[in-house]
Protein backbone atom coordinates (compact mmCIF):
# COMPACT_ATOMS: atom_id res chain seq x y z
CA MET A 1 -8.72 -21.89 -33.97
CA LYS A 2 -5.54 -21.68 -35.27
CA THR A 3 -2.84 -20.53 -33.33
CA ALA A 4 0.55 -19.22 -33.86
CA THR A 5 3.06 -20.05 -31.06
CA ILE A 6 5.85 -17.76 -30.93
CA PHE A 7 8.77 -17.27 -28.19
CA LEU A 8 10.43 -14.23 -27.36
CA ASN A 9 13.57 -15.06 -24.90
CA GLY A 10 16.33 -12.62 -24.01
CA MET A 11 16.98 -8.98 -24.76
CA ILE A 12 14.04 -7.20 -26.69
CA ASP A 13 15.93 -5.77 -29.82
CA ALA A 14 15.39 -5.80 -33.69
CA ASP A 15 15.54 -9.70 -33.60
CA CYS A 16 12.35 -9.83 -31.94
CA PHE A 17 10.25 -8.44 -34.80
CA LYS A 18 11.73 -10.46 -36.92
CA THR A 19 11.38 -13.63 -34.87
CA LEU A 20 7.76 -12.57 -34.35
CA GLN A 21 7.05 -12.29 -38.37
CA GLU A 22 9.02 -15.38 -39.24
CA GLY A 23 6.68 -17.45 -36.59
CA LEU A 24 3.47 -15.80 -38.00
CA LYS A 25 4.91 -16.82 -41.52
CA ALA A 26 5.17 -20.71 -40.21
CA THR A 27 1.42 -20.66 -39.01
CA PRO A 28 -0.47 -19.26 -42.16
CA ASN A 29 -4.44 -18.24 -41.94
CA TYR A 30 -3.90 -18.07 -38.07
CA ASP A 31 -6.49 -16.61 -35.95
CA CYS A 32 -4.85 -16.70 -32.68
CA ILE A 33 -1.26 -15.50 -31.86
CA GLU A 34 0.28 -16.81 -28.42
CA LEU A 35 3.36 -15.18 -27.66
CA HIS A 36 5.58 -16.84 -24.87
CA ILE A 37 7.83 -14.25 -23.22
CA ASP A 38 10.81 -14.34 -20.97
CA SER A 39 12.81 -11.41 -20.92
CA PHE A 40 14.43 -8.91 -18.60
CA GLY A 41 13.84 -6.05 -21.05
CA GLY A 42 15.73 -4.15 -23.93
CA TYR A 43 15.05 -1.28 -26.47
CA VAL A 44 11.82 0.68 -25.64
CA TYR A 45 11.41 1.02 -29.62
CA GLN A 46 11.47 -2.48 -30.80
CA ALA A 47 8.95 -3.24 -27.60
CA LYS A 48 6.72 -0.36 -29.24
CA GLN A 49 6.95 -2.20 -32.77
CA VAL A 50 5.78 -5.38 -31.55
CA TYR A 51 3.06 -3.78 -29.42
CA SER A 52 1.93 -1.65 -32.50
CA PHE A 53 1.92 -5.08 -34.71
CA LEU A 54 -0.29 -6.94 -32.01
CA LYS A 55 -2.44 -4.31 -31.54
CA LYS A 56 -3.27 -4.33 -35.66
CA GLU A 57 -3.93 -7.70 -35.33
CA GLN A 58 -6.39 -7.59 -32.65
CA LEU A 59 -8.01 -4.89 -34.96
CA ARG A 60 -8.46 -7.67 -37.27
CA GLY A 61 -9.89 -10.07 -35.11
CA ILE A 62 -6.99 -11.95 -34.44
CA GLU A 63 -6.81 -13.01 -30.61
CA ILE A 64 -3.81 -11.97 -28.89
CA LYS A 65 -2.61 -14.22 -25.81
CA THR A 66 0.63 -13.75 -24.05
CA ILE A 67 2.29 -15.89 -21.56
CA GLY A 68 5.37 -14.70 -19.46
CA TYR A 69 7.67 -16.89 -17.61
CA ALA A 70 10.78 -16.10 -15.03
CA MET A 71 10.92 -12.41 -15.65
CA ILE A 72 9.21 -9.91 -17.50
CA TYR A 73 10.86 -6.81 -16.72
CA SER A 74 11.15 -3.52 -18.53
CA ALA A 75 10.63 -3.50 -22.35
CA ALA A 76 9.03 -6.87 -22.15
CA THR A 77 6.20 -5.72 -19.96
CA ILE A 78 5.06 -3.52 -22.83
CA ILE A 79 4.75 -6.16 -25.18
CA PHE A 80 3.07 -8.66 -22.64
CA MET A 81 0.39 -6.08 -22.20
CA ALA A 82 -0.63 -6.13 -26.04
CA GLY A 83 -2.60 -9.44 -25.17
CA SER A 84 -6.34 -9.71 -24.63
CA VAL A 85 -4.96 -12.63 -21.94
CA ARG A 86 -2.15 -11.96 -19.98
CA VAL A 87 -1.02 -14.90 -18.25
CA LEU A 88 1.92 -15.20 -15.25
CA GLN A 89 3.47 -18.36 -13.68
CA PRO A 90 3.07 -18.40 -9.79
CA TYR A 91 7.20 -17.83 -9.80
CA SER A 92 7.10 -14.99 -12.70
CA GLU A 93 8.06 -11.67 -11.29
CA PHE A 94 7.20 -8.15 -12.93
CA LEU A 95 9.00 -5.08 -13.41
CA ILE A 96 7.82 -1.55 -14.43
CA HIS A 97 10.34 1.26 -14.23
CA LEU A 98 11.04 4.93 -15.78
CA PRO A 99 12.05 4.86 -19.09
CA VAL A 100 15.65 4.90 -19.98
CA SER A 101 18.02 4.79 -23.11
CA GLY A 102 21.03 6.09 -25.01
CA ASN A 103 24.50 7.18 -24.34
CA LEU A 104 24.99 10.36 -22.62
CA GLU A 105 28.63 10.82 -24.18
CA MET A 106 29.42 13.82 -25.82
CA MET A 107 26.18 15.46 -25.94
CA ASN A 108 25.95 19.46 -26.27
CA VAL A 109 23.21 20.96 -24.36
CA TYR A 110 20.51 20.75 -26.99
CA GLU A 111 20.90 17.09 -27.69
CA LEU A 112 20.33 16.65 -23.91
CA GLN A 113 17.45 18.43 -24.14
CA ASP A 114 16.32 16.70 -27.06
CA TYR A 115 17.16 13.44 -24.87
CA VAL A 116 15.03 14.77 -21.59
CA ASN A 117 12.13 15.45 -23.86
CA GLU A 118 12.29 11.99 -25.42
CA LEU A 119 12.24 10.50 -22.17
CA GLU A 120 9.37 12.51 -20.83
CA LYS A 121 7.46 11.61 -23.91
CA ASP A 122 7.97 7.98 -23.70
CA THR A 123 7.27 8.34 -19.63
CA THR A 124 3.83 9.63 -20.74
CA ASN A 125 3.21 7.29 -23.13
CA PHE A 126 3.70 4.32 -20.77
CA VAL A 127 1.86 5.81 -18.01
CA ALA A 128 -1.15 6.24 -20.67
CA LEU A 129 -0.79 2.64 -21.56
CA TYR A 130 -0.81 1.26 -18.34
CA SER A 131 -3.44 3.16 -16.82
CA GLU A 132 -5.52 2.40 -19.71
CA LEU A 133 -4.96 -1.39 -19.53
CA THR A 134 -5.58 -1.86 -16.04
CA ASN A 135 -7.93 1.12 -15.06
CA ILE A 136 -5.41 2.46 -12.35
CA ALA A 137 -4.99 6.44 -12.17
CA THR A 138 -2.09 7.74 -13.68
CA GLU A 139 -0.69 9.25 -10.61
CA THR A 140 -0.39 5.61 -9.31
CA ILE A 141 1.19 4.26 -12.37
CA LEU A 142 3.80 6.91 -12.15
CA GLY A 143 4.10 6.13 -8.64
CA TYR A 144 4.86 2.13 -9.66
CA LEU A 145 7.62 3.54 -12.17
CA LYS A 146 9.24 5.78 -9.73
CA GLU A 147 9.48 2.53 -7.28
CA ASN A 148 11.45 0.45 -9.91
CA LYS A 149 10.51 -2.74 -7.70
CA ALA A 150 9.72 -6.22 -9.10
CA TRP A 151 6.58 -7.76 -8.10
CA ASN A 152 5.65 -11.32 -7.65
CA SER A 153 2.85 -12.60 -10.09
CA ALA A 154 -0.10 -12.23 -7.37
CA ARG A 155 0.70 -8.73 -7.06
CA ALA A 156 0.87 -7.96 -11.05
CA LEU A 157 -2.66 -9.78 -11.21
CA LYS A 158 -3.90 -7.88 -8.56
CA GLU A 159 -2.93 -4.34 -9.83
CA GLY A 160 -4.34 -5.67 -13.09
CA PHE A 161 -1.33 -5.80 -15.07
CA ALA A 162 -2.03 -9.75 -15.47
CA THR A 163 -5.04 -11.48 -16.05
CA GLU A 164 -4.86 -14.58 -14.34
CA ILE A 165 -1.83 -17.07 -13.05
CA ASP A 166 -1.55 -20.44 -14.83
CA THR A 167 -2.54 -22.84 -11.50
CA THR A 168 -2.02 -25.75 -13.66
CA VAL A 169 1.03 -27.17 -15.05
CA SER A 170 3.11 -24.73 -16.51
CA THR A 171 2.90 -23.98 -20.29
CA PHE A 172 6.14 -23.38 -19.71
CA ALA A 173 6.97 -27.21 -20.01
CA LYS A 174 5.89 -27.09 -23.63
CA GLN A 175 9.09 -25.61 -24.59
CA ASP A 176 11.57 -27.02 -21.80
CA LYS A 177 10.97 -29.20 -18.83
CA ARG A 178 13.29 -27.66 -16.32
CA ASN A 179 11.72 -26.61 -13.23
CA ALA A 180 11.85 -23.24 -12.03
CA VAL A 181 14.98 -23.37 -10.07
CA ALA A 182 16.59 -24.43 -13.21
CA ILE A 183 15.07 -21.87 -15.36
CA TRP A 184 16.41 -18.97 -12.87
CA ASP A 185 19.43 -20.58 -12.50
CA LYS A 186 20.15 -20.07 -16.30
CA GLU A 187 18.61 -16.83 -16.36
CA LYS A 188 21.11 -15.66 -13.88
CA GLU A 189 23.97 -17.00 -15.94
CA GLY A 190 22.65 -15.32 -19.10
CA LEU A 191 22.50 -12.05 -16.81
CA GLN A 192 25.93 -12.37 -15.51
CA GLU A 193 27.38 -13.05 -19.16
CA LEU A 194 26.07 -9.96 -20.48
CA ILE A 195 26.86 -7.46 -17.55
CA GLU A 196 30.49 -9.13 -18.29
CA GLN A 197 30.33 -8.24 -21.93
CA TYR A 198 29.45 -4.99 -21.13
CA LEU A 199 31.61 -3.97 -18.35
CA ASN A 200 34.72 -5.75 -20.49
CA SER A 201 34.00 -3.64 -23.73
CA ASN A 202 34.78 -0.51 -21.99
CA MET A 203 30.84 0.80 -22.06
CA GLU A 204 31.08 2.03 -18.66
CA THR A 205 29.32 5.11 -19.35
CA ASN A 206 26.66 3.31 -21.56
CA LEU A 207 22.84 3.11 -20.06
CA MET A 208 22.27 -0.28 -20.92
CA ALA A 209 25.44 -1.21 -19.01
CA LYS A 210 24.30 0.65 -16.01
CA ILE A 211 20.98 -0.94 -15.90
CA PHE A 212 22.47 -4.31 -16.18
CA LYS A 213 24.54 -3.60 -12.99
CA MET A 214 21.61 -2.72 -11.10
CA PHE A 215 19.90 -6.00 -11.93
CA ALA A 216 22.99 -7.45 -11.16
CA LYS A 217 22.69 -6.04 -7.68
CA THR A 218 19.21 -6.45 -6.83
CA LYS A 219 18.23 -9.61 -8.94
CA ILE A 220 20.58 -12.20 -9.30
CA ASP A 221 20.08 -13.37 -5.89
CA ARG A 222 16.29 -13.15 -6.29
CA PHE A 223 14.94 -16.10 -4.50
CA SER A 224 17.95 -16.53 -2.25
CA LYS A 225 15.72 -17.12 1.06
CA SER A 226 13.32 -19.13 -0.20
CA MET A 227 12.11 -22.25 2.20
CA VAL A 228 10.65 -25.69 2.15
CA LEU A 229 7.91 -25.98 4.59
CA SER A 230 6.44 -29.48 5.75
CA ALA A 231 3.10 -30.52 5.70
CA GLU A 232 1.08 -31.99 8.32
CA ASP A 233 0.89 -35.17 6.42
CA GLY A 234 5.09 -34.74 5.51
CA THR A 235 4.11 -33.64 2.20
CA LYS A 236 7.06 -31.11 0.96
CA ILE A 237 6.01 -27.27 0.29
CA TYR A 238 8.31 -24.69 -1.42
CA VAL A 239 8.01 -21.27 -1.15
CA TYR A 240 9.41 -18.61 -3.47
CA SER A 241 10.81 -15.97 -1.17
CA GLU A 242 13.58 -13.18 -1.40
CA ASP A 243 13.45 -11.80 2.15
CA GLY A 244 12.66 -14.88 4.28
CA SER A 245 9.23 -14.18 5.00
CA ILE A 246 5.99 -16.17 3.82
CA THR A 247 3.11 -13.91 3.58
CA ASP A 248 2.48 -12.72 0.00
CA LYS A 249 4.70 -15.36 -1.53
CA ASN A 250 4.48 -17.92 -4.26
CA VAL A 251 4.09 -21.51 -2.85
CA VAL A 252 4.29 -24.77 -4.66
CA PHE A 253 4.73 -28.49 -3.84
CA ALA A 254 8.23 -29.52 -3.69
CA ASP A 255 9.61 -33.08 -4.80
CA GLU A 256 11.47 -35.32 -2.55
CA ALA A 257 14.93 -33.31 -2.92
CA GLY A 258 13.06 -30.18 -1.79
CA LEU A 259 13.09 -28.59 -5.12
CA PRO A 260 9.95 -26.69 -6.28
CA THR A 261 7.58 -28.59 -9.02
CA GLU A 262 5.11 -26.85 -11.35
CA THR A 263 2.13 -28.02 -9.38
CA VAL A 264 0.66 -25.17 -7.52
CA MET A 265 -0.51 -25.64 -3.98
CA PRO A 266 -4.47 -25.94 -4.16
CA ASP A 267 -6.57 -23.25 -2.11
CA GLY A 268 -7.09 -23.85 1.81
CA THR A 269 -5.82 -23.60 5.25
CA TYR A 270 -2.53 -25.82 6.10
CA ASN A 271 -0.60 -26.58 9.54
CA VAL A 272 3.03 -26.53 8.41
CA GLN A 273 6.34 -26.47 9.76
CA THR A 274 9.69 -25.26 8.78
CA GLU A 275 13.30 -26.82 8.58
CA THR A 276 14.06 -25.08 12.11
CA GLY A 277 11.24 -26.41 13.92
CA ASP A 278 8.94 -23.44 13.47
CA THR A 279 5.32 -24.05 12.93
CA TYR A 280 2.60 -22.23 11.14
CA GLN A 281 -1.18 -21.79 10.02
CA ILE A 282 -1.14 -20.82 6.27
CA VAL A 283 -3.72 -19.77 4.25
CA VAL A 284 -3.43 -20.29 0.42
CA ALA A 285 -5.04 -18.77 -2.72
CA SER A 286 -4.25 -18.73 -6.41
CA GLY A 287 -0.85 -20.20 -5.63
CA VAL A 288 -0.37 -17.47 -2.99
CA VAL A 289 0.36 -17.37 0.94
CA LEU A 290 -2.35 -14.78 1.98
CA SER A 291 -1.41 -15.31 6.01
CA ALA A 292 0.76 -17.08 7.92
CA THR A 293 -0.14 -17.28 11.61
CA GLU A 294 2.79 -18.30 13.77
CA SER A 295 1.82 -21.64 16.41
CA ILE A 296 3.23 -22.33 19.63
CA GLU A 297 2.85 -25.57 20.97
CA MET A 298 2.49 -25.46 24.87
CA THR A 299 2.27 -27.95 27.78
CA GLU A 300 -0.88 -27.82 29.77
CA PRO A 301 0.57 -26.13 32.68
CA GLU A 302 2.19 -23.23 30.29
CA ALA A 303 -1.34 -22.94 28.44
CA GLU A 304 -2.99 -22.08 31.90
CA ALA A 305 -0.34 -19.96 32.95
CA VAL A 306 -0.87 -17.92 29.63
CA ALA A 307 -4.61 -18.16 30.41
CA LEU A 308 -4.05 -16.84 33.61
CA ILE A 309 -1.49 -14.06 32.06
CA GLY A 310 -4.54 -13.00 29.69
CA GLU A 311 -7.16 -12.85 32.82
CA ALA A 312 -4.68 -10.53 34.82
CA GLU A 313 -4.11 -8.28 31.73
CA THR A 314 -7.67 -8.06 31.49
CA VAL A 315 -8.25 -7.28 35.04
CA ALA A 316 -5.56 -4.42 34.61
CA THR A 317 -7.25 -2.85 31.63
CA ILE A 318 -10.54 -2.90 33.83
CA ALA A 319 -9.17 -1.74 36.42
CA GLU A 320 -7.12 0.96 34.72
CA SER A 321 -10.09 2.32 33.21
CA VAL A 322 -12.34 2.60 36.48
CA GLN A 323 -8.95 4.50 37.60
CA MET A 324 -9.28 6.77 34.75
CA VAL A 325 -13.56 7.24 35.11
CA ALA A 326 -12.80 7.82 38.56
CA SER A 327 -9.88 10.56 38.06
CA GLU A 328 -12.62 12.18 35.49
CA PHE A 329 -15.10 12.24 38.20
CA GLN A 330 -12.69 13.84 40.92
CA LYS A 331 -12.20 16.39 37.94
CA PHE A 332 -15.93 16.76 37.73
CA SER A 333 -16.69 17.49 41.16
CA LYS A 334 -14.02 19.52 41.67
CA ALA A 335 -14.89 22.00 39.04
CA VAL A 336 -19.17 21.50 40.10
CA GLN A 337 -17.65 22.66 43.75
CA GLU A 338 -15.83 25.74 42.80
CA GLN A 339 -18.72 26.60 40.89
CA LEU A 340 -20.74 26.25 43.80
CA ASP A 341 -18.21 28.52 45.74
CA TYR A 342 -18.56 31.15 42.90
CA LEU A 343 -22.24 31.63 43.40
CA LYS A 344 -22.50 31.24 47.12
CA ASN A 345 -19.88 34.10 47.20
CA ALA A 346 -21.72 35.86 44.42
CA VAL A 347 -25.24 35.50 46.49
CA ILE A 348 -23.27 37.08 49.73
CA GLU A 349 -22.07 39.94 47.79
CA LYS A 350 -25.63 40.45 46.44
CA ASP A 351 -27.32 40.48 49.95
CA ALA A 352 -24.32 42.98 51.05
CA GLU A 353 -25.68 45.21 48.55
CA ILE A 354 -29.28 44.99 49.09
CA ALA A 355 -28.73 45.66 52.54
CA ASP A 356 -26.66 48.82 51.97
CA LEU A 357 -29.56 49.91 49.88
CA LYS A 358 -31.89 49.20 52.33
CA ASP A 359 -30.02 51.26 54.96
CA PHE A 360 -29.57 54.34 52.13
CA LYS A 361 -33.28 54.16 51.72
CA SER A 362 -33.93 54.43 55.72
CA ALA A 363 -31.36 57.32 55.91
CA MET A 364 -33.14 59.11 53.01
CA GLN A 365 -36.39 58.73 54.64
CA SER A 366 -34.84 59.93 58.03
CA VAL A 367 -33.54 63.27 56.43
CA MET A 368 -36.14 63.91 54.15
CA GLY A 369 -38.47 63.56 57.28
CA ASP A 370 -36.59 66.38 59.07
CA ALA A 371 -36.06 68.58 56.21
CA PRO A 372 -39.08 71.20 57.03
CA ALA A 373 -37.49 72.43 59.98
CA LYS A 374 -34.18 73.26 58.29
CA SER A 375 -35.32 74.81 54.72
CA GLY A 376 -39.40 75.82 55.26
CA VAL A 377 -40.48 73.20 53.00
CA THR A 378 -43.38 71.67 54.68
CA SER A 379 -42.97 68.10 55.95
CA PRO A 380 -45.62 66.35 53.74
CA GLU A 381 -44.36 67.96 50.28
CA THR A 382 -40.71 66.73 50.88
CA THR A 383 -42.34 63.44 51.87
CA SER A 384 -44.45 63.12 48.43
CA ILE A 385 -41.29 64.34 46.76
CA PHE A 386 -39.35 61.48 48.10
CA ASN A 387 -42.09 59.20 47.54
CA LYS A 388 -43.03 60.03 43.98
CA LYS A 389 -39.28 59.88 42.91
CA ILE A 390 -36.42 58.94 44.99
CA ALA A 391 -37.83 56.08 46.59
CA PRO A 392 -39.05 54.08 43.65
CA GLU A 393 -35.74 54.37 42.12
CA VAL A 394 -33.87 53.08 45.14
CA GLN A 395 -36.39 50.03 45.36
CA ALA A 396 -35.69 49.31 41.89
CA LEU A 397 -32.14 48.77 42.43
CA ILE A 398 -33.05 46.65 45.52
CA ASN A 399 -35.20 44.62 43.29
CA ARG A 400 -32.57 44.05 40.65
CA LYS A 401 -30.04 43.19 43.21
């Protein structure tokens, strides 16, 4: 396989396409394009121009491989995504954001509307592009663009923007032997110079200048809280960190001076110590610290005390549970007693009603038995009426009660 190797460094502008064409002319009859990118971004149009050309080359059967280094930011991500193989370094940073472009000076309302429509169209295109290549929902991609937050290479790999991380000696050594710290220092210098050029040229309203200012605030000191750890065998380990934490950070071996090398930490579990004496057990996979558990060395009495505290906490938890059960049982018992009292009172009330009905029946029988002397109706007839009509109804009431 004949490979055309091309390097795109710095701003994405019109020179990028020119550099690409010159590199391809220098390697006739190529069947693979290996594009090395280290860029903080630039112009969307030129990025789309390079992306479209590379995709057409893919349709011709040309293999496209993109390799990212210190920074793959903004418009540079569009070019990076053209590769069917997309490789990042352990120290790489990847940033996508909503598109911004142009100069807002001296625009009328119609020009501003056209400008907004163009940005909306670019946003839709970016979301569709990233979604198609990563299989991530468009709503999620749009959320990532709004976050405007740089990812480490592990996050870019996890989200599908990169297809692999170079865990061997970095291919960046092919074009320069500097270690990662030196690379980043140079990038900082380049950014600072560009920022000064824009600000000193009275282009304060230019959106590109504002973008550079944003990067200056948030990215210049990106790895200012990186740390050197020592393994049990004395090996020095370098953790790239922007916030002083260890988990989810890229990790490589450090040299004797404590500077990072390009050799990624092998997968495994390590006991390490910080420069301040704190000890951790870290789990490393694909050059990233997956977890970091702080280890605390204790004397035997301290360990026994901790064990006793643990047992006491367990007993206290059990006692609390028992107390909760007792409280619930007490509430249940109270409810049952209230129900029994209610039923008891209901029985008493029913007994009283039945007694009243029996008294009523006896009274009626007595009255009906005396009726002949007062009404002239014979006693047997009166008794028959009572027994046939009144007595059954009274008895039915008594039975229902």
